[in-house]
Amino acid sequence: NAYIFPGLSLGVLACKITKLPDNMFLVAARA
């Protein structure tokens, strides 16, 4: 999971994201 949750969280913090719908995880997996 270290391949996903740190990067996902960096994006959330960097751009001040307020919600994480399922599609965010599809995007992270493809990235």
PDB file of all heavy atoms in Angstrom:
ATOM      1  N   ASN A   1       0.807  -1.223   0.000  1.00  0.00           N
ATOM      2  CA  ASN A   1       0.000   0.000   0.000  1.00  0.00           C
ATOM      3  C   ASN A   1       0.840   1.273   0.000  1.00  0.00           C
ATOM      4  O   ASN A   1       0.338   2.345  -0.341  1.00  0.00           O
ATOM      5  CB  ASN A   1      -0.918   0.032   1.230  1.00  0.00           C
ATOM      6  CG  ASN A   1      -2.015  -0.998   1.169  1.00  0.00           C
ATOM      7  OD1 ASN A   1      -1.898  -1.991   0.449  1.00  0.00           O
ATOM      8  ND2 ASN A   1      -3.078  -0.790   1.918  1.00  0.00           N
ATOM      9  N   ALA A   2       2.101   1.160   0.371  1.00  0.00           N
ATOM     10  CA  ALA A   2       2.968   2.340   0.385  1.00  0.00           C
ATOM     11  C   ALA A   2       3.142   2.932  -1.006  1.00  0.00           C
ATOM     12  O   ALA A   2       3.581   4.077  -1.144  1.00  0.00           O
ATOM     13  CB  ALA A   2       4.334   1.985   0.970  1.00  0.00           C
ATOM     14  N   TYR A   3       2.787   2.172  -2.044  1.00  0.00           N
ATOM     15  CA  TYR A   3       2.809   2.728  -3.397  1.00  0.00           C
ATOM     16  C   TYR A   3       1.609   3.637  -3.662  1.00  0.00           C
ATOM     17  O   TYR A   3       1.590   4.340  -4.668  1.00  0.00           O
ATOM     18  CB  TYR A   3       2.813   1.600  -4.434  1.00  0.00           C
ATOM     19  CG  TYR A   3       4.167   1.021  -4.717  1.00  0.00           C
ATOM     20  CD1 TYR A   3       4.451  -0.310  -4.399  1.00  0.00           C
ATOM     21  CD2 TYR A   3       5.175   1.780  -5.316  1.00  0.00           C
ATOM     22  CE1 TYR A   3       5.693  -0.862  -4.673  1.00  0.00           C
ATOM     23  CE2 TYR A   3       6.418   1.231  -5.585  1.00  0.00           C
ATOM     24  CZ  TYR A   3       6.670  -0.084  -5.272  1.00  0.00           C
ATOM     25  OH  TYR A   3       7.902  -0.625  -5.546  1.00  0.00           O
ATOM     26  N   ILE A   4       0.589   3.585  -2.800  1.00  0.00           N
ATOM     27  CA  ILE A   4      -0.639   4.341  -3.056  1.00  0.00           C
ATOM     28  C   ILE A   4      -0.912   5.428  -2.022  1.00  0.00           C
ATOM     29  O   ILE A   4      -1.008   6.607  -2.356  1.00  0.00           O
ATOM     30  CB  ILE A   4      -1.855   3.390  -3.154  1.00  0.00           C
ATOM     31  CG1 ILE A   4      -1.782   2.556  -4.435  1.00  0.00           C
ATOM     32  CG2 ILE A   4      -3.165   4.190  -3.122  1.00  0.00           C
ATOM     33  CD1 ILE A   4      -1.984   3.331  -5.722  1.00  0.00           C
ATOM     34  N   PHE A   5      -1.056   5.038  -0.741  1.00  0.00           N
ATOM     35  CA  PHE A   5      -1.601   6.010   0.207  1.00  0.00           C
ATOM     36  C   PHE A   5      -0.709   7.232   0.440  1.00  0.00           C
ATOM     37  O   PHE A   5      -1.226   8.334   0.627  1.00  0.00           O
ATOM     38  CB  PHE A   5      -2.010   5.345   1.530  1.00  0.00           C
ATOM     39  CG  PHE A   5      -0.880   4.859   2.398  1.00  0.00           C
ATOM     40  CD1 PHE A   5      -0.171   5.719   3.216  1.00  0.00           C
ATOM     41  CD2 PHE A   5      -0.550   3.506   2.427  1.00  0.00           C
ATOM     42  CE1 PHE A   5       0.860   5.264   4.025  1.00  0.00           C
ATOM     43  CE2 PHE A   5       0.474   3.041   3.224  1.00  0.00           C
ATOM     44  CZ  PHE A   5       1.189   3.930   4.026  1.00  0.00           C
ATOM     45  N   PRO A   6       0.637   7.124   0.397  1.00  0.00           N
ATOM     46  CA  PRO A   6       1.419   8.354   0.576  1.00  0.00           C
ATOM     47  C   PRO A   6       1.231   9.343  -0.581  1.00  0.00           C
ATOM     48  O   PRO A   6       1.054  10.545  -0.359  1.00  0.00           O
ATOM     49  CB  PRO A   6       2.860   7.844   0.659  1.00  0.00           C
ATOM     50  CG  PRO A   6       2.734   6.415   1.106  1.00  0.00           C
ATOM     51  CD  PRO A   6       1.502   5.935   0.424  1.00  0.00           C
ATOM     52  N   GLY A   7       1.243   8.830  -1.827  1.00  0.00           N
ATOM     53  CA  GLY A   7       1.060   9.709  -2.973  1.00  0.00           C
ATOM     54  C   GLY A   7      -0.327  10.305  -3.025  1.00  0.00           C
ATOM     55  O   GLY A   7      -0.509  11.496  -3.308  1.00  0.00           O
ATOM     56  N   LEU A   8      -1.336   9.485  -2.773  1.00  0.00           N
ATOM     57  CA  LEU A   8      -2.706   9.970  -2.711  1.00  0.00           C
ATOM     58  C   LEU A   8      -2.826  11.090  -1.688  1.00  0.00           C
ATOM     59  O   LEU A   8      -3.407  12.154  -1.959  1.00  0.00           O
ATOM     60  CB  LEU A   8      -3.639   8.819  -2.340  1.00  0.00           C
ATOM     61  CG  LEU A   8      -5.112   9.173  -2.160  1.00  0.00           C
ATOM     62  CD1 LEU A   8      -5.842   9.133  -3.489  1.00  0.00           C
ATOM     63  CD2 LEU A   8      -5.784   8.213  -1.179  1.00  0.00           C
ATOM     64  N   SER A   9      -2.239  10.877  -0.519  1.00  0.00           N
ATOM     65  CA  SER A   9      -2.327  11.862   0.560  1.00  0.00           C
ATOM     66  C   SER A   9      -1.551  13.128   0.225  1.00  0.00           C
ATOM     67  O   SER A   9      -1.987  14.243   0.568  1.00  0.00           O
ATOM     68  CB  SER A   9      -1.805  11.239   1.856  1.00  0.00           C
ATOM     69  OG  SER A   9      -2.531  10.059   2.155  1.00  0.00           O
ATOM     70  N   LEU A  10      -0.420  12.983  -0.449  1.00  0.00           N
ATOM     71  CA  LEU A  10       0.328  14.169  -0.881  1.00  0.00           C
ATOM     72  C   LEU A  10      -0.539  15.031  -1.779  1.00  0.00           C
ATOM     73  O   LEU A  10      -0.572  16.267  -1.635  1.00  0.00           O
ATOM     74  CB  LEU A  10       1.603  13.738  -1.615  1.00  0.00           C
ATOM     75  CG  LEU A  10       2.453  14.867  -2.212  1.00  0.00           C
ATOM     76  CD1 LEU A  10       3.039  15.745  -1.114  1.00  0.00           C
ATOM     77  CD2 LEU A  10       3.563  14.289  -3.092  1.00  0.00           C
ATOM     78  N   GLY A  11      -1.260  14.413  -2.713  1.00  0.00           N
ATOM     79  CA  GLY A  11      -2.147  15.172  -3.581  1.00  0.00           C
ATOM     80  C   GLY A  11      -3.263  15.856  -2.813  1.00  0.00           C
ATOM     81  O   GLY A  11      -3.594  17.023  -3.074  1.00  0.00           O
ATOM     82  N   VAL A  12      -3.843  15.144  -1.848  1.00  0.00           N
ATOM     83  CA  VAL A  12      -4.916  15.721  -1.035  1.00  0.00           C
ATOM     84  C   VAL A  12      -4.433  16.974  -0.312  1.00  0.00           C
ATOM     85  O   VAL A  12      -5.105  18.012  -0.304  1.00  0.00           O
ATOM     86  CB  VAL A  12      -5.433  14.687  -0.015  1.00  0.00           C
ATOM     87  CG1 VAL A  12      -6.393  15.345   0.977  1.00  0.00           C
ATOM     88  CG2 VAL A  12      -6.133  13.539  -0.728  1.00  0.00           C
ATOM     89  N   LEU A  13      -3.250  16.894   0.282  1.00  0.00           N
ATOM     90  CA  LEU A  13      -2.726  18.018   1.048  1.00  0.00           C
ATOM     91  C   LEU A  13      -2.275  19.157   0.143  1.00  0.00           C
ATOM     92  O   LEU A  13      -2.524  20.330   0.433  1.00  0.00           O
ATOM     93  CB  LEU A  13      -1.564  17.569   1.937  1.00  0.00           C
ATOM     94  CG  LEU A  13      -1.931  17.028   3.320  1.00  0.00           C
ATOM     95  CD1 LEU A  13      -2.791  15.777   3.235  1.00  0.00           C
ATOM     96  CD2 LEU A  13      -0.676  16.738   4.129  1.00  0.00           C
ATOM     97  N   ALA A  14      -1.604  18.800  -0.965  1.00  0.00           N
ATOM     98  CA  ALA A  14      -1.012  19.824  -1.826  1.00  0.00           C
ATOM     99  C   ALA A  14      -2.057  20.732  -2.455  1.00  0.00           C
ATOM    100  O   ALA A  14      -1.827  21.934  -2.630  1.00  0.00           O
ATOM    101  CB  ALA A  14      -0.159  19.168  -2.911  1.00  0.00           C
ATOM    102  N   CYS A  15      -3.227  20.178  -2.800  1.00  0.00           N
ATOM    103  CA  CYS A  15      -4.268  20.967  -3.462  1.00  0.00           C
ATOM    104  C   CYS A  15      -5.534  21.113  -2.625  1.00  0.00           C
ATOM    105  O   CYS A  15      -6.565  21.567  -3.122  1.00  0.00           O
ATOM    106  CB  CYS A  15      -4.585  20.377  -4.832  1.00  0.00           C
ATOM    107  SG  CYS A  15      -3.236  20.590  -6.021  1.00  0.00           S
ATOM    108  N   LYS A  16      -5.450  20.735  -1.363  1.00  0.00           N
ATOM    109  CA  LYS A  16      -6.539  20.912  -0.402  1.00  0.00           C
ATOM    110  C   LYS A  16      -7.846  20.282  -0.909  1.00  0.00           C
ATOM    111  O   LYS A  16      -8.880  20.933  -1.040  1.00  0.00           O
ATOM    112  CB  LYS A  16      -6.738  22.390  -0.075  1.00  0.00           C
ATOM    113  CG  LYS A  16      -5.526  23.018   0.603  1.00  0.00           C
ATOM    114  CD  LYS A  16      -5.775  24.444   1.063  1.00  0.00           C
ATOM    115  CE  LYS A  16      -4.572  24.995   1.811  1.00  0.00           C
ATOM    116  NZ  LYS A  16      -4.785  26.373   2.286  1.00  0.00           N
ATOM    117  N   ILE A  17      -7.764  18.990  -1.183  1.00  0.00           N
ATOM    118  CA  ILE A  17      -8.930  18.222  -1.651  1.00  0.00           C
ATOM    119  C   ILE A  17      -9.873  17.959  -0.476  1.00  0.00           C
ATOM    120  O   ILE A  17      -9.427  17.681   0.637  1.00  0.00           O
ATOM    121  CB  ILE A  17      -8.463  16.908  -2.308  1.00  0.00           C
ATOM    122  CG1 ILE A  17      -7.784  17.221  -3.648  1.00  0.00           C
ATOM    123  CG2 ILE A  17      -9.605  15.925  -2.496  1.00  0.00           C
ATOM    124  CD1 ILE A  17      -7.112  16.038  -4.310  1.00  0.00           C
ATOM    125  N   THR A  18     -11.163  18.036  -0.728  1.00  0.00           N
ATOM    126  CA  THR A  18     -12.149  17.925   0.354  1.00  0.00           C
ATOM    127  C   THR A  18     -12.936  16.617   0.348  1.00  0.00           C
ATOM    128  O   THR A  18     -13.689  16.351   1.284  1.00  0.00           O
ATOM    129  CB  THR A  18     -13.153  19.088   0.275  1.00  0.00           C
ATOM    130  OG1 THR A  18     -13.820  19.039  -0.997  1.00  0.00           O
ATOM    131  CG2 THR A  18     -12.452  20.433   0.434  1.00  0.00           C
ATOM    132  N   LYS A  19     -12.786  15.808  -0.701  1.00  0.00           N
ATOM    133  CA  LYS A  19     -13.556  14.564  -0.784  1.00  0.00           C
ATOM    134  C   LYS A  19     -12.798  13.564  -1.646  1.00  0.00           C
ATOM    135  O   LYS A  19     -12.116  13.945  -2.599  1.00  0.00           O
ATOM    136  CB  LYS A  19     -14.939  14.830  -1.386  1.00  0.00           C
ATOM    137  CG  LYS A  19     -15.913  13.679  -1.269  1.00  0.00           C
ATOM    138  CD  LYS A  19     -17.243  14.001  -1.927  1.00  0.00           C
ATOM    139  CE  LYS A  19     -18.002  15.092  -1.202  1.00  0.00           C
ATOM    140  NZ  LYS A  19     -19.360  15.288  -1.781  1.00  0.00           N
ATOM    141  N   LEU A  20     -12.930  12.267  -1.323  1.00  0.00           N
ATOM    142  CA  LEU A  20     -12.221  11.217  -2.056  1.00  0.00           C
ATOM    143  C   LEU A  20     -13.215  10.170  -2.566  1.00  0.00           C
ATOM    144  O   LEU A  20     -13.372   9.104  -1.979  1.00  0.00           O
ATOM    145  CB  LEU A  20     -11.173  10.561  -1.149  1.00  0.00           C
ATOM    146  CG  LEU A  20      -9.947  11.415  -0.838  1.00  0.00           C
ATOM    147  CD1 LEU A  20      -9.107  10.751   0.250  1.00  0.00           C
ATOM    148  CD2 LEU A  20      -9.109  11.644  -2.086  1.00  0.00           C
ATOM    149  N   PRO A  21     -13.882  10.454  -3.684  1.00  0.00           N
ATOM    150  CA  PRO A  21     -14.771   9.452  -4.272  1.00  0.00           C
ATOM    151  C   PRO A  21     -13.971   8.281  -4.819  1.00  0.00           C
ATOM    152  O   PRO A  21     -12.746   8.351  -4.988  1.00  0.00           O
ATOM    153  CB  PRO A  21     -15.476  10.216  -5.400  1.00  0.00           C
ATOM    154  CG  PRO A  21     -14.553  11.338  -5.729  1.00  0.00           C
ATOM    155  CD  PRO A  21     -13.850  11.708  -4.460  1.00  0.00           C
ATOM    156  N   ASP A  22     -14.662   7.189  -5.139  1.00  0.00           N
ATOM    157  CA  ASP A  22     -14.001   5.966  -5.602  1.00  0.00           C
ATOM    158  C   ASP A  22     -13.105   6.207  -6.810  1.00  0.00           C
ATOM    159  O   ASP A  22     -12.065   5.558  -6.963  1.00  0.00           O
ATOM    160  CB  ASP A  22     -15.044   4.896  -5.957  1.00  0.00           C
ATOM    161  CG  ASP A  22     -15.587   4.198  -4.719  1.00  0.00           C
ATOM    162  OD1 ASP A  22     -14.917   4.237  -3.676  1.00  0.00           O
ATOM    163  OD2 ASP A  22     -16.687   3.621  -4.803  1.00  0.00           O
ATOM    164  N   ASN A  23     -13.502   7.141  -7.678  1.00  0.00           N
ATOM    165  CA  ASN A  23     -12.729   7.354  -8.890  1.00  0.00           C
ATOM    166  C   ASN A  23     -11.312   7.828  -8.604  1.00  0.00           C
ATOM    167  O   ASN A  23     -10.401   7.632  -9.421  1.00  0.00           O
ATOM    168  CB  ASN A  23     -13.440   8.351  -9.812  1.00  0.00           C
ATOM    169  CG  ASN A  23     -13.065   8.148 -11.258  1.00  0.00           C
ATOM    170  OD1 ASN A  23     -13.146   7.032 -11.770  1.00  0.00           O
ATOM    171  ND2 ASN A  23     -12.621   9.199 -11.926  1.00  0.00           N
ATOM    172  N   MET A  24     -11.106   8.446  -7.440  1.00  0.00           N
ATOM    173  CA  MET A  24      -9.755   8.864  -7.053  1.00  0.00           C
ATOM    174  C   MET A  24      -8.817   7.661  -6.970  1.00  0.00           C
ATOM    175  O   MET A  24      -7.627   7.748  -7.297  1.00  0.00           O
ATOM    176  CB  MET A  24      -9.781   9.584  -5.704  1.00  0.00           C
ATOM    177  CG  MET A  24     -10.352  10.985  -5.745  1.00  0.00           C
ATOM    178  SD  MET A  24      -9.276  12.134  -6.613  1.00  0.00           S
ATOM    179  CE  MET A  24     -10.018  13.693  -6.108  1.00  0.00           C
ATOM    180  N   PHE A  25      -9.344   6.531  -6.529  1.00  0.00           N
ATOM    181  CA  PHE A  25      -8.515   5.341  -6.362  1.00  0.00           C
ATOM    182  C   PHE A  25      -8.269   4.650  -7.701  1.00  0.00           C
ATOM    183  O   PHE A  25      -7.215   4.051  -7.902  1.00  0.00           O
ATOM    184  CB  PHE A  25      -9.145   4.419  -5.322  1.00  0.00           C
ATOM    185  CG  PHE A  25      -9.202   5.067  -3.967  1.00  0.00           C
ATOM    186  CD1 PHE A  25     -10.309   5.812  -3.577  1.00  0.00           C
ATOM    187  CD2 PHE A  25      -8.135   4.978  -3.105  1.00  0.00           C
ATOM    188  CE1 PHE A  25     -10.343   6.451  -2.339  1.00  0.00           C
ATOM    189  CE2 PHE A  25      -8.158   5.609  -1.866  1.00  0.00           C
ATOM    190  CZ  PHE A  25      -9.256   6.348  -1.486  1.00  0.00           C
ATOM    191  N   LEU A  26      -9.225   4.769  -8.630  1.00  0.00           N
ATOM    192  CA  LEU A  26      -8.977   4.316  -9.995  1.00  0.00           C
ATOM    193  C   LEU A  26      -7.864   5.140 -10.630  1.00  0.00           C
ATOM    194  O   LEU A  26      -6.958   4.606 -11.278  1.00  0.00           O
ATOM    195  CB  LEU A  26     -10.247   4.456 -10.837  1.00  0.00           C
ATOM    196  CG  LEU A  26     -11.280   3.338 -10.788  1.00  0.00           C
ATOM    197  CD1 LEU A  26     -12.503   3.717 -11.616  1.00  0.00           C
ATOM    198  CD2 LEU A  26     -10.695   2.036 -11.277  1.00  0.00           C
ATOM    199  N   VAL A  27      -7.926   6.445 -10.419  1.00  0.00           N
ATOM    200  CA  VAL A  27      -6.900   7.350 -10.952  1.00  0.00           C
ATOM    201  C   VAL A  27      -5.532   7.002 -10.362  1.00  0.00           C
ATOM    202  O   VAL A  27      -4.530   6.926 -11.090  1.00  0.00           O
ATOM    203  CB  VAL A  27      -7.272   8.813 -10.642  1.00  0.00           C
ATOM    204  CG1 VAL A  27      -6.095   9.749 -10.889  1.00  0.00           C
ATOM    205  CG2 VAL A  27      -8.472   9.244 -11.482  1.00  0.00           C
ATOM    206  N   ALA A  28      -5.480   6.781  -9.056  1.00  0.00           N
ATOM    207  CA  ALA A  28      -4.213   6.452  -8.402  1.00  0.00           C
ATOM    208  C   ALA A  28      -3.658   5.127  -8.912  1.00  0.00           C
ATOM    209  O   ALA A  28      -2.447   4.990  -9.151  1.00  0.00           O
ATOM    210  CB  ALA A  28      -4.405   6.398  -6.887  1.00  0.00           C
ATOM    211  N   ALA A  29      -4.531   4.126  -9.111  1.00  0.00           N
ATOM    212  CA  ALA A  29      -4.096   2.819  -9.606  1.00  0.00           C
ATOM    213  C   ALA A  29      -3.528   2.937 -11.013  1.00  0.00           C
ATOM    214  O   ALA A  29      -2.482   2.349 -11.336  1.00  0.00           O
ATOM    215  CB  ALA A  29      -5.267   1.837  -9.579  1.00  0.00           C
ATOM    216  N   ARG A  30      -4.211   3.689 -11.859  1.00  0.00           N
ATOM    217  CA  ARG A  30      -3.720   3.866 -13.235  1.00  0.00           C
ATOM    218  C   ARG A  30      -2.397   4.637 -13.246  1.00  0.00           C
ATOM    219  O   ARG A  30      -1.498   4.324 -14.046  1.00  0.00           O
ATOM    220  CB  ARG A  30      -4.773   4.599 -14.065  1.00  0.00           C
ATOM    221  CG  ARG A  30      -6.024   3.764 -14.338  1.00  0.00           C
ATOM    222  CD  ARG A  30      -6.888   4.422 -15.399  1.00  0.00           C
ATOM    223  NE  ARG A  30      -8.065   3.613 -15.684  1.00  0.00           N
ATOM    224  CZ  ARG A  30      -9.297   3.947 -15.329  1.00  0.00           C
ATOM    225  NH1 ARG A  30      -9.525   5.068 -14.669  1.00  0.00           N
ATOM    226  NH2 ARG A  30     -10.316   3.161 -15.640  1.00  0.00           N
ATOM    227  N   ALA A  31      -2.293   5.634 -12.384  1.00  0.00           N
ATOM    228  CA  ALA A  31      -1.042   6.407 -12.310  1.00  0.00           C
ATOM    229  C   ALA A  31       0.112   5.518 -11.874  1.00  0.00           C
ATOM    230  O   ALA A  31       1.239   5.661 -12.365  1.00  0.00           O
ATOM    231  CB  ALA A  31      -1.213   7.576 -11.352  1.00  0.00           C
TER     232      ALA A  31
END
